[in-house]
Amino acid sequence: MDEAYHIRCYGTAINNGFAEGPNKFLILTEPGNDVTQLQIGFEGPSSPDVKLVTLSNNNVNVTFVPIVGGDYRIHILYKGHHIYASPFKCKIVGDVASNVKKMVCGGATTKGKVGQDNSITLDGRKVGISGGLSARLVGPAMSTLTFLYNEDATITLGYNVTRPGLYKLFLKFQHFSVPGGYLKLLNKWEINGGTHLFPGSPFSILCT
């Protein structure tokens, strides 16, 4: 039992996932653990396909694909005993496209600073989205993008641009666009007397 208690799981998919798409988490074992003694079971509205891959450091990558959404419990045992925090409650989202539209964006969506770290908060907690996002920033200069996964299950997207001008930021989950995921960063000249935004663009960001 003591051996099982010291085994942990890491990854957002242990608590939140998506139907018909691969969901992944990592089982962190202890030195000397026999990974062949691990057992994984699912309680829920469907029986997912599960794939286990043992890494060179003896940790185990788990990939599972549930057929339908709903509330699941993931049971992970070692030598017949539950590991730490098992069973895990896992919310599987079924209709991905409509749930992505319910994500909320806040933060530096209207103003940004050149040469400084700017951040946007992405909140998908109501629909179980706490990871799996991608971002692309296109504009007149090189830029950096970073994702930070917060303890409250929100996500912080950081961006830093080196020159003012017109930028387009595309945010997606899988291949679905996040609402407001098409952003414009403009300098003062463009805002005050130069170009105008396209009608209906989600955000205009003043980047000075």
C-alpha atoms as a PDB file:
ATOM      1  CA  MET A   1       0.000   0.000   0.000  1.00  0.00           C
ATOM      2  CA  ASP A   2       2.854   2.416   0.819  1.00  0.00           C
ATOM      3  CA  GLU A   3       4.328   1.861  -2.648  1.00  0.00           C
ATOM      4  CA  ALA A   4       1.027   2.724  -4.311  1.00  0.00           C
ATOM      5  CA  TYR A   5       0.565   5.876  -2.214  1.00  0.00           C
ATOM      6  CA  HIS A   6       3.824   7.366  -3.517  1.00  0.00           C
ATOM      7  CA  ILE A   7       2.840   7.019  -7.186  1.00  0.00           C
ATOM      8  CA  ARG A   8       1.397  10.225  -8.651  1.00  0.00           C
ATOM      9  CA  CYS A   9      -0.361  11.356 -11.830  1.00  0.00           C
ATOM     10  CA  TYR A  10       0.347  14.529 -13.789  1.00  0.00           C
ATOM     11  CA  GLY A  11      -1.580  16.150 -16.640  1.00  0.00           C
ATOM     12  CA  THR A  12      -4.862  17.982 -17.214  1.00  0.00           C
ATOM     13  CA  ALA A  13      -6.506  14.950 -18.857  1.00  0.00           C
ATOM     14  CA  ILE A  14      -6.643  13.135 -15.521  1.00  0.00           C
ATOM     15  CA  ASN A  15      -9.502  15.545 -14.647  1.00  0.00           C
ATOM     16  CA  ASN A  16     -10.695  16.981 -17.980  1.00  0.00           C
ATOM     17  CA  GLY A  17     -10.824  15.497 -21.462  1.00  0.00           C
ATOM     18  CA  PHE A  18     -12.630  15.299 -24.768  1.00  0.00           C
ATOM     19  CA  ALA A  19     -14.618  12.664 -26.575  1.00  0.00           C
ATOM     20  CA  GLU A  20     -13.246  11.231 -29.815  1.00  0.00           C
ATOM     21  CA  GLY A  21      -9.862  12.838 -29.252  1.00  0.00           C
ATOM     22  CA  PRO A  22      -6.680  11.558 -27.602  1.00  0.00           C
ATOM     23  CA  ASN A  23      -6.375  12.561 -23.933  1.00  0.00           C
ATOM     24  CA  LYS A  24      -3.042  12.101 -22.210  1.00  0.00           C
ATOM     25  CA  PHE A  25      -1.605  12.067 -18.703  1.00  0.00           C
ATOM     26  CA  LEU A  26       1.546  10.760 -17.060  1.00  0.00           C
ATOM     27  CA  ILE A  27       1.941   8.271 -14.208  1.00  0.00           C
ATOM     28  CA  LEU A  28       4.988   9.191 -12.127  1.00  0.00           C
ATOM     29  CA  THR A  29       6.451   6.074 -10.552  1.00  0.00           C
ATOM     30  CA  GLU A  30       9.115   5.608  -7.889  1.00  0.00           C
ATOM     31  CA  PRO A  31      12.512   3.960  -8.468  1.00  0.00           C
ATOM     32  CA  GLY A  32      12.119   0.204  -8.189  1.00  0.00           C
ATOM     33  CA  ASN A  33       8.401   0.145  -9.024  1.00  0.00           C
ATOM     34  CA  ASP A  34       7.338  -2.682 -11.334  1.00  0.00           C
ATOM     35  CA  VAL A  35       5.166  -0.921 -13.919  1.00  0.00           C
ATOM     36  CA  THR A  36       3.675  -4.245 -15.012  1.00  0.00           C
ATOM     37  CA  GLN A  37       1.773  -4.157 -11.700  1.00  0.00           C
ATOM     38  CA  LEU A  38      -0.163  -1.024 -12.719  1.00  0.00           C
ATOM     39  CA  GLN A  39      -3.862  -1.390 -13.527  1.00  0.00           C
ATOM     40  CA  ILE A  40      -6.167   1.229 -15.049  1.00  0.00           C
ATOM     41  CA  GLY A  41      -9.960   1.122 -15.176  1.00  0.00           C
ATOM     42  CA  PHE A  42     -12.672   3.566 -16.254  1.00  0.00           C
ATOM     43  CA  GLU A  43     -16.182   4.074 -14.891  1.00  0.00           C
ATOM     44  CA  GLY A  44     -18.471   6.104 -17.118  1.00  0.00           C
ATOM     45  CA  PRO A  45     -20.792   6.227 -20.108  1.00  0.00           C
ATOM     46  CA  SER A  46     -18.292   4.527 -22.449  1.00  0.00           C
ATOM     47  CA  SER A  47     -15.256   2.261 -22.287  1.00  0.00           C
ATOM     48  CA  PRO A  48     -12.295   4.214 -23.712  1.00  0.00           C
ATOM     49  CA  ASP A  49      -9.502   2.775 -25.791  1.00  0.00           C
ATOM     50  CA  VAL A  50      -6.369   2.987 -23.617  1.00  0.00           C
ATOM     51  CA  LYS A  51      -2.700   2.877 -24.586  1.00  0.00           C
ATOM     52  CA  LEU A  52       0.182   2.700 -22.078  1.00  0.00           C
ATOM     53  CA  VAL A  53       3.781   3.507 -23.011  1.00  0.00           C
ATOM     54  CA  THR A  54       6.598   2.964 -20.501  1.00  0.00           C
ATOM     55  CA  LEU A  55       9.295   5.633 -20.767  1.00  0.00           C
ATOM     56  CA  SER A  56      13.024   5.209 -20.224  1.00  0.00           C
ATOM     57  CA  ASN A  57      12.710   6.757 -16.730  1.00  0.00           C
ATOM     58  CA  ASN A  58      10.064   4.148 -15.786  1.00  0.00           C
ATOM     59  CA  ASN A  59       7.199   6.650 -15.869  1.00  0.00           C
ATOM     60  CA  VAL A  60       4.158   5.710 -17.947  1.00  0.00           C
ATOM     61  CA  ASN A  61       2.394   7.759 -20.624  1.00  0.00           C
ATOM     62  CA  VAL A  62      -1.345   7.068 -20.741  1.00  0.00           C
ATOM     63  CA  THR A  63      -3.485   7.911 -23.787  1.00  0.00           C
ATOM     64  CA  PHE A  64      -7.231   7.268 -23.740  1.00  0.00           C
ATOM     65  CA  VAL A  65      -9.995   7.971 -26.258  1.00  0.00           C
ATOM     66  CA  PRO A  66     -13.557   7.938 -24.857  1.00  0.00           C
ATOM     67  CA  ILE A  67     -16.388   7.588 -27.336  1.00  0.00           C
ATOM     68  CA  VAL A  68     -18.888   9.895 -25.616  1.00  0.00           C
ATOM     69  CA  GLY A  69     -18.795  12.757 -23.140  1.00  0.00           C
ATOM     70  CA  GLY A  70     -19.888  12.619 -19.518  1.00  0.00           C
ATOM     71  CA  ASP A  71     -18.570  12.107 -16.001  1.00  0.00           C
ATOM     72  CA  TYR A  72     -15.963   9.398 -15.587  1.00  0.00           C
ATOM     73  CA  ARG A  73     -13.889   7.943 -12.781  1.00  0.00           C
ATOM     74  CA  ILE A  74     -10.362   6.781 -13.530  1.00  0.00           C
ATOM     75  CA  HIS A  75      -9.092   4.040 -11.222  1.00  0.00           C
ATOM     76  CA  ILE A  76      -5.325   3.511 -11.118  1.00  0.00           C
ATOM     77  CA  LEU A  77      -3.983   0.708  -8.939  1.00  0.00           C
ATOM     78  CA  TYR A  78      -0.534  -0.604  -8.148  1.00  0.00           C
ATOM     79  CA  LYS A  79      -0.343  -4.154  -6.815  1.00  0.00           C
ATOM     80  CA  GLY A  80      -4.081  -4.022  -6.159  1.00  0.00           C
ATOM     81  CA  HIS A  81      -4.012  -0.733  -4.206  1.00  0.00           C
ATOM     82  CA  HIS A  82      -5.124   2.711  -5.356  1.00  0.00           C
ATOM     83  CA  ILE A  83      -2.327   5.168  -6.062  1.00  0.00           C
ATOM     84  CA  TYR A  84      -2.407   8.641  -4.505  1.00  0.00           C
ATOM     85  CA  ALA A  85      -5.738  10.466  -5.189  1.00  0.00           C
ATOM     86  CA  SER A  86      -7.238   7.531  -7.139  1.00  0.00           C
ATOM     87  CA  PRO A  87     -10.001   7.247  -8.264  1.00  0.00           C
ATOM     88  CA  PHE A  88      -9.884  10.503 -10.217  1.00  0.00           C
ATOM     89  CA  LYS A  89     -13.013  12.372 -11.302  1.00  0.00           C
ATOM     90  CA  CYS A  90     -12.755  13.222 -15.002  1.00  0.00           C
ATOM     91  CA  LYS A  91     -15.182  15.367 -17.004  1.00  0.00           C
ATOM     92  CA  ILE A  92     -15.253  14.412 -20.687  1.00  0.00           C
ATOM     93  CA  VAL A  93     -16.681  17.024 -23.059  1.00  0.00           C
ATOM     94  CA  GLY A  94     -18.708  15.592 -25.934  1.00  0.00           C
ATOM     95  CA  ASP A  95     -19.516  18.433 -28.345  1.00  0.00           C
ATOM     96  CA  VAL A  96     -16.107  20.080 -28.644  1.00  0.00           C
ATOM     97  CA  ALA A  97     -17.003  22.778 -31.179  1.00  0.00           C
ATOM     98  CA  SER A  98     -19.870  24.281 -29.173  1.00  0.00           C
ATOM     99  CA  ASN A  99     -17.920  24.114 -25.909  1.00  0.00           C
ATOM    100  CA  VAL A 100     -14.910  25.930 -27.367  1.00  0.00           C
ATOM    101  CA  LYS A 101     -17.260  28.820 -28.182  1.00  0.00           C
ATOM    102  CA  LYS A 102     -18.031  29.147 -24.459  1.00  0.00           C
ATOM    103  CA  MET A 103     -14.443  29.936 -23.492  1.00  0.00           C
ATOM    104  CA  VAL A 104     -13.861  33.386 -21.983  1.00  0.00           C
ATOM    105  CA  CYS A 105     -10.853  35.594 -22.817  1.00  0.00           C
ATOM    106  CA  GLY A 106      -9.680  38.495 -20.647  1.00  0.00           C
ATOM    107  CA  GLY A 107      -6.609  40.567 -19.869  1.00  0.00           C
ATOM    108  CA  ALA A 108      -4.442  42.308 -22.473  1.00  0.00           C
ATOM    109  CA  THR A 109      -6.997  42.023 -25.266  1.00  0.00           C
ATOM    110  CA  THR A 110      -7.371  45.785 -25.789  1.00  0.00           C
ATOM    111  CA  LYS A 111      -3.925  47.190 -24.938  1.00  0.00           C
ATOM    112  CA  GLY A 112      -0.417  45.783 -25.105  1.00  0.00           C
ATOM    113  CA  LYS A 113       3.118  47.070 -24.648  1.00  0.00           C
ATOM    114  CA  VAL A 114       5.987  46.584 -27.074  1.00  0.00           C
ATOM    115  CA  GLY A 115       9.013  44.920 -25.495  1.00  0.00           C
ATOM    116  CA  GLN A 116       7.079  43.887 -22.388  1.00  0.00           C
ATOM    117  CA  ASP A 117       5.278  40.747 -21.297  1.00  0.00           C
ATOM    118  CA  ASN A 118       1.535  41.008 -21.938  1.00  0.00           C
ATOM    119  CA  SER A 119      -0.931  38.363 -20.832  1.00  0.00           C
ATOM    120  CA  ILE A 120      -4.371  37.091 -21.770  1.00  0.00           C
ATOM    121  CA  THR A 121      -6.360  34.834 -19.441  1.00  0.00           C
ATOM    122  CA  LEU A 122      -8.283  31.993 -21.067  1.00  0.00           C
ATOM    123  CA  ASP A 123     -11.049  30.464 -18.970  1.00  0.00           C
ATOM    124  CA  GLY A 124     -12.638  27.225 -20.121  1.00  0.00           C
ATOM    125  CA  ARG A 125     -13.441  25.787 -16.705  1.00  0.00           C
ATOM    126  CA  LYS A 126     -17.199  25.676 -17.260  1.00  0.00           C
ATOM    127  CA  VAL A 127     -16.731  23.327 -20.207  1.00  0.00           C
ATOM    128  CA  GLY A 128     -13.705  21.412 -18.939  1.00  0.00           C
ATOM    129  CA  ILE A 129     -11.065  22.970 -21.214  1.00  0.00           C
ATOM    130  CA  SER A 130      -7.845  23.490 -19.272  1.00  0.00           C
ATOM    131  CA  GLY A 131      -5.193  22.696 -21.881  1.00  0.00           C
ATOM    132  CA  GLY A 132      -4.573  21.671 -25.466  1.00  0.00           C
ATOM    133  CA  LEU A 133      -4.564  25.196 -26.914  1.00  0.00           C
ATOM    134  CA  SER A 134      -2.366  26.468 -29.730  1.00  0.00           C
ATOM    135  CA  ALA A 135      -1.531  30.040 -30.702  1.00  0.00           C
ATOM    136  CA  ARG A 136       0.081  31.803 -33.644  1.00  0.00           C
ATOM    137  CA  LEU A 137       1.020  35.486 -33.771  1.00  0.00           C
ATOM    138  CA  VAL A 138       1.593  37.016 -37.210  1.00  0.00           C
ATOM    139  CA  GLY A 139       2.908  40.543 -37.687  1.00  0.00           C
ATOM    140  CA  PRO A 140       5.751  42.851 -38.706  1.00  0.00           C
ATOM    141  CA  ALA A 141       8.306  41.540 -36.198  1.00  0.00           C
ATOM    142  CA  MET A 142       9.355  38.479 -34.261  1.00  0.00           C
ATOM    143  CA  SER A 143       7.300  37.695 -31.190  1.00  0.00           C
ATOM    144  CA  THR A 144       7.254  35.178 -28.359  1.00  0.00           C
ATOM    145  CA  LEU A 145       4.264  33.240 -27.064  1.00  0.00           C
ATOM    146  CA  THR A 146       4.053  31.224 -23.866  1.00  0.00           C
ATOM    147  CA  PHE A 147       1.331  29.230 -22.139  1.00  0.00           C
ATOM    148  CA  LEU A 148       1.079  28.993 -18.346  1.00  0.00           C
ATOM    149  CA  TYR A 149      -1.337  26.475 -16.842  1.00  0.00           C
ATOM    150  CA  ASN A 150      -2.622  27.878 -13.555  1.00  0.00           C
ATOM    151  CA  GLU A 151      -3.648  26.008 -10.417  1.00  0.00           C
ATOM    152  CA  ASP A 152      -7.231  27.272 -10.756  1.00  0.00           C
ATOM    153  CA  ALA A 153      -7.433  25.550 -14.194  1.00  0.00           C
ATOM    154  CA  THR A 154      -7.329  28.807 -16.164  1.00  0.00           C
ATOM    155  CA  ILE A 155      -4.634  29.346 -18.794  1.00  0.00           C
ATOM    156  CA  THR A 156      -2.434  32.412 -19.203  1.00  0.00           C
ATOM    157  CA  LEU A 157      -1.190  33.225 -22.690  1.00  0.00           C
ATOM    158  CA  GLY A 158       1.813  35.549 -22.621  1.00  0.00           C
ATOM    159  CA  TYR A 159       2.970  37.501 -25.658  1.00  0.00           C
ATOM    160  CA  ASN A 160       5.843  39.906 -26.271  1.00  0.00           C
ATOM    161  CA  VAL A 161       6.282  41.879 -29.495  1.00  0.00           C
ATOM    162  CA  THR A 162       9.400  43.841 -30.479  1.00  0.00           C
ATOM    163  CA  ARG A 163       7.806  46.461 -32.745  1.00  0.00           C
ATOM    164  CA  PRO A 164       4.462  48.273 -32.869  1.00  0.00           C
ATOM    165  CA  GLY A 165       2.207  47.521 -35.795  1.00  0.00           C
ATOM    166  CA  LEU A 166      -0.605  45.292 -36.950  1.00  0.00           C
ATOM    167  CA  TYR A 167      -0.504  41.753 -35.556  1.00  0.00           C
ATOM    168  CA  LYS A 168      -2.944  38.889 -35.831  1.00  0.00           C
ATOM    169  CA  LEU A 169      -3.192  36.388 -33.001  1.00  0.00           C
ATOM    170  CA  PHE A 170      -4.937  33.114 -33.807  1.00  0.00           C
ATOM    171  CA  LEU A 171      -6.076  30.940 -30.889  1.00  0.00           C
ATOM    172  CA  LYS A 172      -7.322  27.407 -31.383  1.00  0.00           C
ATOM    173  CA  PHE A 173      -8.312  24.332 -29.447  1.00  0.00           C
ATOM    174  CA  GLN A 174      -7.679  21.310 -31.646  1.00  0.00           C
ATOM    175  CA  HIS A 175      -8.812  22.758 -35.001  1.00  0.00           C
ATOM    176  CA  PHE A 176     -11.588  24.948 -33.543  1.00  0.00           C
ATOM    177  CA  SER A 177     -11.062  28.710 -33.207  1.00  0.00           C
ATOM    178  CA  VAL A 178     -11.436  30.208 -29.735  1.00  0.00           C
ATOM    179  CA  PRO A 179     -13.878  33.166 -29.686  1.00  0.00           C
ATOM    180  CA  GLY A 180     -11.821  36.329 -29.817  1.00  0.00           C
ATOM    181  CA  GLY A 181      -8.910  34.270 -31.040  1.00  0.00           C
ATOM    182  CA  TYR A 182      -8.241  36.683 -33.891  1.00  0.00           C
ATOM    183  CA  LEU A 183      -6.655  39.748 -32.306  1.00  0.00           C
ATOM    184  CA  LYS A 184      -5.155  42.967 -33.670  1.00  0.00           C
ATOM    185  CA  LEU A 185      -2.269  44.858 -32.068  1.00  0.00           C
ATOM    186  CA  LEU A 186      -1.945  48.422 -33.323  1.00  0.00           C
ATOM    187  CA  ASN A 187       0.334  51.359 -32.597  1.00  0.00           C
ATOM    188  CA  LYS A 188      -0.984  54.845 -31.760  1.00  0.00           C
ATOM    189  CA  TRP A 189      -0.691  56.196 -35.288  1.00  0.00           C
ATOM    190  CA  GLU A 190      -2.857  53.436 -36.683  1.00  0.00           C
ATOM    191  CA  ILE A 191      -5.475  53.865 -33.947  1.00  0.00           C
ATOM    192  CA  ASN A 192      -5.678  57.685 -33.986  1.00  0.00           C
ATOM    193  CA  GLY A 193      -5.382  58.640 -37.618  1.00  0.00           C
ATOM    194  CA  GLY A 194      -4.274  55.837 -39.859  1.00  0.00           C
ATOM    195  CA  THR A 195      -5.934  52.563 -40.640  1.00  0.00           C
ATOM    196  CA  HIS A 196      -9.218  51.317 -39.254  1.00  0.00           C
ATOM    197  CA  LEU A 197     -10.172  47.935 -37.899  1.00  0.00           C
ATOM    198  CA  PHE A 198     -12.140  45.500 -39.973  1.00  0.00           C
ATOM    199  CA  PRO A 199     -15.820  45.563 -38.939  1.00  0.00           C
ATOM    200  CA  GLY A 200     -16.588  43.014 -36.278  1.00  0.00           C
ATOM    201  CA  SER A 201     -13.031  42.085 -35.382  1.00  0.00           C
ATOM    202  CA  PRO A 202     -13.082  40.670 -31.812  1.00  0.00           C
ATOM    203  CA  PHE A 203     -10.410  42.847 -30.166  1.00  0.00           C
ATOM    204  CA  SER A 204      -8.309  45.884 -31.023  1.00  0.00           C
ATOM    205  CA  ILE A 205      -5.103  46.012 -29.007  1.00  0.00           C
ATOM    206  CA  LEU A 206      -3.130  49.234 -28.687  1.00  0.00           C
ATOM    207  CA  CYS A 207       0.510  48.163 -28.645  1.00  0.00           C
ATOM    208  CA  THR A 208       2.896  51.048 -27.920  1.00  0.00           C
END
